[in-house]
Amino acid sequence: MSRYNGPVCRLCRREGTKLFLKGSRCLTEKCSVERRSYAPGQHGQSTGGGRGRKMSEYAKQLREKQKVKRIYGLSERQFRNTFELATRAPGVKGTNLLVALETRLDNVVYRMGFASSRAAARQLVGHGHVQVNGNRVDIPSFRVAVGQEVRVEPASREMVPVKMALEGSSRGAPMSWLSVDAEKAAGRLTMVPTRDAIPLNAQEQLIVELYSK
């Protein structure tokens, strides 16, 4: 199944929460979830998109998987492959899944503040504007290892989207497992993130239960 290319604000409204798919816009009064808190579609306002009805366990698991998958901007196949990778690693499967998602190159670029959204970070990586340990990497799913340096190429630092992202302060300090030098548009993964250090409102165990059936 191909990646969703429609209006991303509909995805936030469908999940009933902000997925932060539009960068700083999600923090303003223009956010669709703030303006229209009901689900999209013909019956969204009158029925709440089914949110008021009692959900089965399967429906809860499916919604949680859809929410996390949409936050990170992955297709179903990419998300399933990431989950299978996580299950082969030692430790808690749900935590392993989130760590695998957080250490993707596109997500690291986003977390470091070099892009305003994960979609923008994915585009930045895909167009060859990012280096890992001095080598150009254009694969958004590349797994960043502890100690590796991620930087925007010097020639790309003056690009308007990069400068706007670096100048923005809406997302505050970088994650505790990242060190960032904003002036050089460079950073480093200093440790494997723990679950407590990942600011994601998700019940990853529901995803594990869904895929374990």
C-alpha atoms as a PDB file:
ATOM      1  CA  MET A   1       0.000   0.000   0.000  1.00  0.00           C
ATOM      2  CA  SER A   2       1.452   3.379  -1.010  1.00  0.00           C
ATOM      3  CA  ARG A   3       2.006   6.256   1.385  1.00  0.00           C
ATOM      4  CA  TYR A   4      -0.942   8.556   2.073  1.00  0.00           C
ATOM      5  CA  ASN A   5      -0.715  11.758   0.018  1.00  0.00           C
ATOM      6  CA  GLY A   6      -3.971  13.432   0.985  1.00  0.00           C
ATOM      7  CA  PRO A   7      -4.658  16.232   3.499  1.00  0.00           C
ATOM      8  CA  VAL A   8      -2.674  15.261   6.593  1.00  0.00           C
ATOM      9  CA  CYS A   9      -4.924  17.227   8.958  1.00  0.00           C
ATOM     10  CA  ARG A  10      -7.634  14.648   8.290  1.00  0.00           C
ATOM     11  CA  LEU A  11      -5.359  12.018   9.818  1.00  0.00           C
ATOM     12  CA  CYS A  12      -5.056  13.997  13.052  1.00  0.00           C
ATOM     13  CA  ARG A  13      -8.810  14.472  13.213  1.00  0.00           C
ATOM     14  CA  ARG A  14      -9.392  10.785  12.511  1.00  0.00           C
ATOM     15  CA  GLU A  15      -7.177   9.801  15.434  1.00  0.00           C
ATOM     16  CA  GLY A  16      -8.634  12.518  17.651  1.00  0.00           C
ATOM     17  CA  THR A  17      -5.228  13.899  18.601  1.00  0.00           C
ATOM     18  CA  LYS A  18      -2.411  16.000  17.195  1.00  0.00           C
ATOM     19  CA  LEU A  19       0.080  13.931  15.210  1.00  0.00           C
ATOM     20  CA  PHE A  20       2.247  16.993  14.479  1.00  0.00           C
ATOM     21  CA  LEU A  21       2.363  16.323  10.746  1.00  0.00           C
ATOM     22  CA  LYS A  22       2.535  20.013   9.772  1.00  0.00           C
ATOM     23  CA  GLY A  23       5.316  21.233  12.010  1.00  0.00           C
ATOM     24  CA  SER A  24       4.793  24.567  13.775  1.00  0.00           C
ATOM     25  CA  ARG A  25       1.279  24.991  12.316  1.00  0.00           C
ATOM     26  CA  CYS A  26       0.126  22.266  14.716  1.00  0.00           C
ATOM     27  CA  LEU A  27       1.008  24.562  17.624  1.00  0.00           C
ATOM     28  CA  THR A  28      -1.140  27.462  16.423  1.00  0.00           C
ATOM     29  CA  GLU A  29      -4.853  28.234  16.376  1.00  0.00           C
ATOM     30  CA  LYS A  30      -4.882  27.155  12.716  1.00  0.00           C
ATOM     31  CA  CYS A  31      -4.537  23.519  13.750  1.00  0.00           C
ATOM     32  CA  SER A  32      -7.512  21.534  12.422  1.00  0.00           C
ATOM     33  CA  VAL A  33      -7.824  19.508  15.627  1.00  0.00           C
ATOM     34  CA  GLU A  34      -8.311  22.755  17.551  1.00  0.00           C
ATOM     35  CA  ARG A  35     -10.798  24.162  15.048  1.00  0.00           C
ATOM     36  CA  ARG A  36     -12.707  20.961  14.298  1.00  0.00           C
ATOM     37  CA  SER A  37     -12.265  18.393  17.032  1.00  0.00           C
ATOM     38  CA  TYR A  38     -14.682  15.931  15.432  1.00  0.00           C
ATOM     39  CA  ALA A  39     -13.708  13.208  12.964  1.00  0.00           C
ATOM     40  CA  PRO A  40     -13.628  13.967   9.213  1.00  0.00           C
ATOM     41  CA  GLY A  41     -16.285  12.757   6.833  1.00  0.00           C
ATOM     42  CA  GLN A  42     -19.996  13.166   6.259  1.00  0.00           C
ATOM     43  CA  HIS A  43     -21.028  11.882   9.690  1.00  0.00           C
ATOM     44  CA  GLY A  44     -18.009  13.002  11.669  1.00  0.00           C
ATOM     45  CA  GLN A  45     -19.656  15.924  13.473  1.00  0.00           C
ATOM     46  CA  SER A  46     -22.897  14.134  14.288  1.00  0.00           C
ATOM     47  CA  THR A  47     -21.409  10.843  15.466  1.00  0.00           C
ATOM     48  CA  GLY A  48     -17.863  11.744  16.437  1.00  0.00           C
ATOM     49  CA  GLY A  49     -16.561   9.357  13.809  1.00  0.00           C
ATOM     50  CA  GLY A  50     -17.434   6.416  16.017  1.00  0.00           C
ATOM     51  CA  ARG A  51     -15.315   7.651  18.933  1.00  0.00           C
ATOM     52  CA  GLY A  52     -18.255   7.614  21.318  1.00  0.00           C
ATOM     53  CA  ARG A  53     -19.078   3.967  20.671  1.00  0.00           C
ATOM     54  CA  LYS A  54     -17.520   1.133  22.610  1.00  0.00           C
ATOM     55  CA  MET A  55     -14.545  -0.229  20.682  1.00  0.00           C
ATOM     56  CA  SER A  56     -13.519  -3.860  20.513  1.00  0.00           C
ATOM     57  CA  GLU A  57     -10.006  -4.842  21.576  1.00  0.00           C
ATOM     58  CA  TYR A  58      -9.070  -5.349  17.939  1.00  0.00           C
ATOM     59  CA  ALA A  59     -10.346  -1.882  17.034  1.00  0.00           C
ATOM     60  CA  LYS A  60      -8.267  -0.330  19.840  1.00  0.00           C
ATOM     61  CA  GLN A  61      -5.161  -2.181  18.676  1.00  0.00           C
ATOM     62  CA  LEU A  62      -5.747  -1.174  15.063  1.00  0.00           C
ATOM     63  CA  ARG A  63      -6.286   2.491  15.918  1.00  0.00           C
ATOM     64  CA  GLU A  64      -3.106   2.588  17.988  1.00  0.00           C
ATOM     65  CA  LYS A  65      -1.100   1.037  15.155  1.00  0.00           C
ATOM     66  CA  GLN A  66      -2.569   3.485  12.641  1.00  0.00           C
ATOM     67  CA  LYS A  67      -1.801   6.424  14.914  1.00  0.00           C
ATOM     68  CA  VAL A  68       1.861   5.531  15.439  1.00  0.00           C
ATOM     69  CA  LYS A  69       2.333   4.599  11.794  1.00  0.00           C
ATOM     70  CA  ARG A  70       0.958   7.974  10.713  1.00  0.00           C
ATOM     71  CA  ILE A  71       3.051   9.911  13.230  1.00  0.00           C
ATOM     72  CA  TYR A  72       6.242   8.508  11.728  1.00  0.00           C
ATOM     73  CA  GLY A  73       4.929   8.671   8.141  1.00  0.00           C
ATOM     74  CA  LEU A  74       5.480   5.024   7.238  1.00  0.00           C
ATOM     75  CA  SER A  75       3.621   2.765   4.853  1.00  0.00           C
ATOM     76  CA  GLU A  76       2.083  -0.444   6.180  1.00  0.00           C
ATOM     77  CA  ARG A  77       4.910  -2.549   4.772  1.00  0.00           C
ATOM     78  CA  GLN A  78       7.594  -0.272   6.243  1.00  0.00           C
ATOM     79  CA  PHE A  79       5.909  -0.303   9.632  1.00  0.00           C
ATOM     80  CA  ARG A  80       5.499  -4.078   9.631  1.00  0.00           C
ATOM     81  CA  ASN A  81       9.128  -4.580   8.623  1.00  0.00           C
ATOM     82  CA  THR A  82      10.213  -2.268  11.438  1.00  0.00           C
ATOM     83  CA  PHE A  83       8.138  -4.269  13.901  1.00  0.00           C
ATOM     84  CA  GLU A  84       9.642  -7.562  12.737  1.00  0.00           C
ATOM     85  CA  LEU A  85      13.097  -6.052  13.146  1.00  0.00           C
ATOM     86  CA  ALA A  86      12.191  -4.972  16.669  1.00  0.00           C
ATOM     87  CA  THR A  87      10.948  -8.442  17.654  1.00  0.00           C
ATOM     88  CA  ARG A  88      14.323  -9.969  16.797  1.00  0.00           C
ATOM     89  CA  ALA A  89      16.159  -7.666  19.203  1.00  0.00           C
ATOM     90  CA  PRO A  90      16.462  -8.501  22.913  1.00  0.00           C
ATOM     91  CA  GLY A  91      14.276  -6.579  25.320  1.00  0.00           C
ATOM     92  CA  VAL A  92      10.678  -5.386  25.376  1.00  0.00           C
ATOM     93  CA  LYS A  93       9.123  -5.587  21.901  1.00  0.00           C
ATOM     94  CA  GLY A  94       7.074  -2.422  22.202  1.00  0.00           C
ATOM     95  CA  THR A  95      10.023  -0.368  23.394  1.00  0.00           C
ATOM     96  CA  ASN A  96      12.232  -1.891  20.695  1.00  0.00           C
ATOM     97  CA  LEU A  97       9.678  -0.785  18.101  1.00  0.00           C
ATOM     98  CA  LEU A  98       9.706   2.826  19.280  1.00  0.00           C
ATOM     99  CA  VAL A  99      13.511   2.862  19.478  1.00  0.00           C
ATOM    100  CA  ALA A 100      13.711   1.542  15.909  1.00  0.00           C
ATOM    101  CA  LEU A 101      11.333   4.291  14.764  1.00  0.00           C
ATOM    102  CA  GLU A 102      13.129   7.025  16.690  1.00  0.00           C
ATOM    103  CA  THR A 103      16.579   6.098  15.359  1.00  0.00           C
ATOM    104  CA  ARG A 104      15.533   6.298  11.714  1.00  0.00           C
ATOM    105  CA  LEU A 105      17.592   8.991  10.005  1.00  0.00           C
ATOM    106  CA  ASP A 106      14.566  11.064   8.990  1.00  0.00           C
ATOM    107  CA  ASN A 107      13.258  11.068  12.549  1.00  0.00           C
ATOM    108  CA  VAL A 108      16.676  11.950  13.996  1.00  0.00           C
ATOM    109  CA  VAL A 109      16.917  14.893  11.585  1.00  0.00           C
ATOM    110  CA  TYR A 110      13.470  16.018  12.766  1.00  0.00           C
ATOM    111  CA  ARG A 111      14.283  15.550  16.453  1.00  0.00           C
ATOM    112  CA  MET A 112      17.485  17.561  16.028  1.00  0.00           C
ATOM    113  CA  GLY A 113      15.443  20.475  14.705  1.00  0.00           C
ATOM    114  CA  PHE A 114      16.850  20.500  11.161  1.00  0.00           C
ATOM    115  CA  ALA A 115      13.354  20.068   9.677  1.00  0.00           C
ATOM    116  CA  SER A 116       9.957  21.340  10.811  1.00  0.00           C
ATOM    117  CA  SER A 117       8.234  17.977  10.394  1.00  0.00           C
ATOM    118  CA  ARG A 118       9.084  14.350   9.744  1.00  0.00           C
ATOM    119  CA  ALA A 119       7.828  14.694   6.172  1.00  0.00           C
ATOM    120  CA  ALA A 120      10.191  17.636   5.625  1.00  0.00           C
ATOM    121  CA  ALA A 121      13.023  15.642   7.211  1.00  0.00           C
ATOM    122  CA  ARG A 122      12.313  12.693   4.927  1.00  0.00           C
ATOM    123  CA  GLN A 123      12.474  14.988   1.907  1.00  0.00           C
ATOM    124  CA  LEU A 124      15.697  16.576   3.144  1.00  0.00           C
ATOM    125  CA  VAL A 125      17.327  13.159   3.493  1.00  0.00           C
ATOM    126  CA  GLY A 126      15.915  11.817   0.235  1.00  0.00           C
ATOM    127  CA  HIS A 127      17.331  14.750  -1.724  1.00  0.00           C
ATOM    128  CA  GLY A 128      20.821  14.100  -0.412  1.00  0.00           C
ATOM    129  CA  HIS A 129      21.197  17.064   1.946  1.00  0.00           C
ATOM    130  CA  VAL A 130      22.199  15.020   5.009  1.00  0.00           C
ATOM    131  CA  GLN A 131      25.478  13.379   5.978  1.00  0.00           C
ATOM    132  CA  VAL A 132      26.188  10.649   8.514  1.00  0.00           C
ATOM    133  CA  ASN A 133      29.788  10.608   9.732  1.00  0.00           C
ATOM    134  CA  GLY A 134      30.742  12.745   6.754  1.00  0.00           C
ATOM    135  CA  ASN A 135      29.112  10.506   4.138  1.00  0.00           C
ATOM    136  CA  ARG A 136      25.997  11.495   2.241  1.00  0.00           C
ATOM    137  CA  VAL A 137      23.040   9.245   3.086  1.00  0.00           C
ATOM    138  CA  ASP A 138      19.797   9.575   1.124  1.00  0.00           C
ATOM    139  CA  ILE A 139      17.876   6.692   2.722  1.00  0.00           C
ATOM    140  CA  PRO A 140      15.314   7.985   5.268  1.00  0.00           C
ATOM    141  CA  SER A 141      15.059   4.571   6.963  1.00  0.00           C
ATOM    142  CA  PHE A 142      18.815   4.423   7.646  1.00  0.00           C
ATOM    143  CA  ARG A 143      19.344   3.423  11.290  1.00  0.00           C
ATOM    144  CA  VAL A 144      21.538   5.876  13.153  1.00  0.00           C
ATOM    145  CA  ALA A 145      23.857   4.176  15.641  1.00  0.00           C
ATOM    146  CA  VAL A 146      25.109   5.545  18.946  1.00  0.00           C
ATOM    147  CA  GLY A 147      28.072   7.842  18.390  1.00  0.00           C
ATOM    148  CA  GLN A 148      27.311   8.644  14.754  1.00  0.00           C
ATOM    149  CA  GLU A 149      27.209  12.292  13.716  1.00  0.00           C
ATOM    150  CA  VAL A 150      24.309  13.587  11.625  1.00  0.00           C
ATOM    151  CA  ARG A 151      24.687  16.923   9.866  1.00  0.00           C
ATOM    152  CA  VAL A 152      23.103  18.964   7.113  1.00  0.00           C
ATOM    153  CA  GLU A 153      25.577  19.397   4.263  1.00  0.00           C
ATOM    154  CA  PRO A 154      27.301  22.807   4.429  1.00  0.00           C
ATOM    155  CA  ALA A 155      25.935  23.837   1.029  1.00  0.00           C
ATOM    156  CA  SER A 156      22.386  23.021   2.166  1.00  0.00           C
ATOM    157  CA  ARG A 157      22.330  24.947   5.446  1.00  0.00           C
ATOM    158  CA  GLU A 158      21.208  28.136   3.727  1.00  0.00           C
ATOM    159  CA  MET A 159      18.096  26.500   2.306  1.00  0.00           C
ATOM    160  CA  VAL A 160      14.995  28.336   3.517  1.00  0.00           C
ATOM    161  CA  PRO A 161      13.261  25.285   5.094  1.00  0.00           C
ATOM    162  CA  VAL A 162      16.426  24.387   7.018  1.00  0.00           C
ATOM    163  CA  LYS A 163      16.987  27.954   8.247  1.00  0.00           C
ATOM    164  CA  MET A 164      13.354  28.288   9.298  1.00  0.00           C
ATOM    165  CA  ALA A 165      13.517  25.014  11.204  1.00  0.00           C
ATOM    166  CA  LEU A 166      16.750  25.992  12.942  1.00  0.00           C
ATOM    167  CA  GLU A 167      15.435  29.431  13.834  1.00  0.00           C
ATOM    168  CA  GLY A 168      12.201  28.046  15.258  1.00  0.00           C
ATOM    169  CA  SER A 169      12.111  27.449  18.984  1.00  0.00           C
ATOM    170  CA  SER A 170       8.627  25.968  19.293  1.00  0.00           C
ATOM    171  CA  ARG A 171       9.830  22.431  19.997  1.00  0.00           C
ATOM    172  CA  GLY A 172      12.285  23.459  22.710  1.00  0.00           C
ATOM    173  CA  ALA A 173      15.438  21.590  23.668  1.00  0.00           C
ATOM    174  CA  PRO A 174      16.520  18.442  21.797  1.00  0.00           C
ATOM    175  CA  MET A 175      15.945  14.983  23.200  1.00  0.00           C
ATOM    176  CA  SER A 176      18.120  13.882  26.114  1.00  0.00           C
ATOM    177  CA  TRP A 177      19.673  11.181  23.929  1.00  0.00           C
ATOM    178  CA  LEU A 178      20.832  13.683  21.305  1.00  0.00           C
ATOM    179  CA  SER A 179      23.501  16.386  21.342  1.00  0.00           C
ATOM    180  CA  VAL A 180      22.930  19.191  18.852  1.00  0.00           C
ATOM    181  CA  ASP A 181      25.027  22.097  17.588  1.00  0.00           C
ATOM    182  CA  ALA A 182      22.449  24.310  15.865  1.00  0.00           C
ATOM    183  CA  GLU A 183      25.065  26.693  14.475  1.00  0.00           C
ATOM    184  CA  LYS A 184      26.738  23.878  12.567  1.00  0.00           C
ATOM    185  CA  ALA A 185      23.436  22.069  11.851  1.00  0.00           C
ATOM    186  CA  ALA A 186      25.018  18.943  13.262  1.00  0.00           C
ATOM    187  CA  GLY A 187      24.283  16.533  16.071  1.00  0.00           C
ATOM    188  CA  ARG A 188      25.091  13.149  17.480  1.00  0.00           C
ATOM    189  CA  LEU A 189      23.136  10.208  18.868  1.00  0.00           C
ATOM    190  CA  THR A 190      24.653   9.887  22.331  1.00  0.00           C
ATOM    191  CA  MET A 191      22.695   6.883  23.636  1.00  0.00           C
ATOM    192  CA  VAL A 192      19.890   4.494  22.811  1.00  0.00           C
ATOM    193  CA  PRO A 193      16.684   6.266  23.876  1.00  0.00           C
ATOM    194  CA  THR A 194      14.744   4.784  26.760  1.00  0.00           C
ATOM    195  CA  ARG A 195      10.958   4.614  26.684  1.00  0.00           C
ATOM    196  CA  ASP A 196      10.673   7.430  29.217  1.00  0.00           C
ATOM    197  CA  ALA A 197      12.824   9.657  27.004  1.00  0.00           C
ATOM    198  CA  ILE A 198      10.586   9.232  23.938  1.00  0.00           C
ATOM    199  CA  PRO A 199       7.818  11.880  24.042  1.00  0.00           C
ATOM    200  CA  LEU A 200       5.155   9.799  22.358  1.00  0.00           C
ATOM    201  CA  ASN A 201       1.646   9.314  23.707  1.00  0.00           C
ATOM    202  CA  ALA A 202       1.208   5.745  22.546  1.00  0.00           C
ATOM    203  CA  GLN A 203       0.296   2.348  23.947  1.00  0.00           C
ATOM    204  CA  GLU A 204       2.838   0.322  22.009  1.00  0.00           C
ATOM    205  CA  GLN A 205       1.793  -2.910  23.732  1.00  0.00           C
ATOM    206  CA  LEU A 206      -1.479  -2.765  21.778  1.00  0.00           C
ATOM    207  CA  ILE A 207       0.544  -2.817  18.553  1.00  0.00           C
ATOM    208  CA  VAL A 208       2.510  -5.816  19.763  1.00  0.00           C
ATOM    209  CA  GLU A 209      -0.740  -7.619  20.565  1.00  0.00           C
ATOM    210  CA  LEU A 210      -2.159  -6.775  17.142  1.00  0.00           C
ATOM    211  CA  TYR A 211       0.825  -8.127  15.193  1.00  0.00           C
ATOM    212  CA  SER A 212       1.205 -11.140  17.477  1.00  0.00           C
ATOM    213  CA  LYS A 213      -2.163 -12.610  16.514  1.00  0.00           C
END
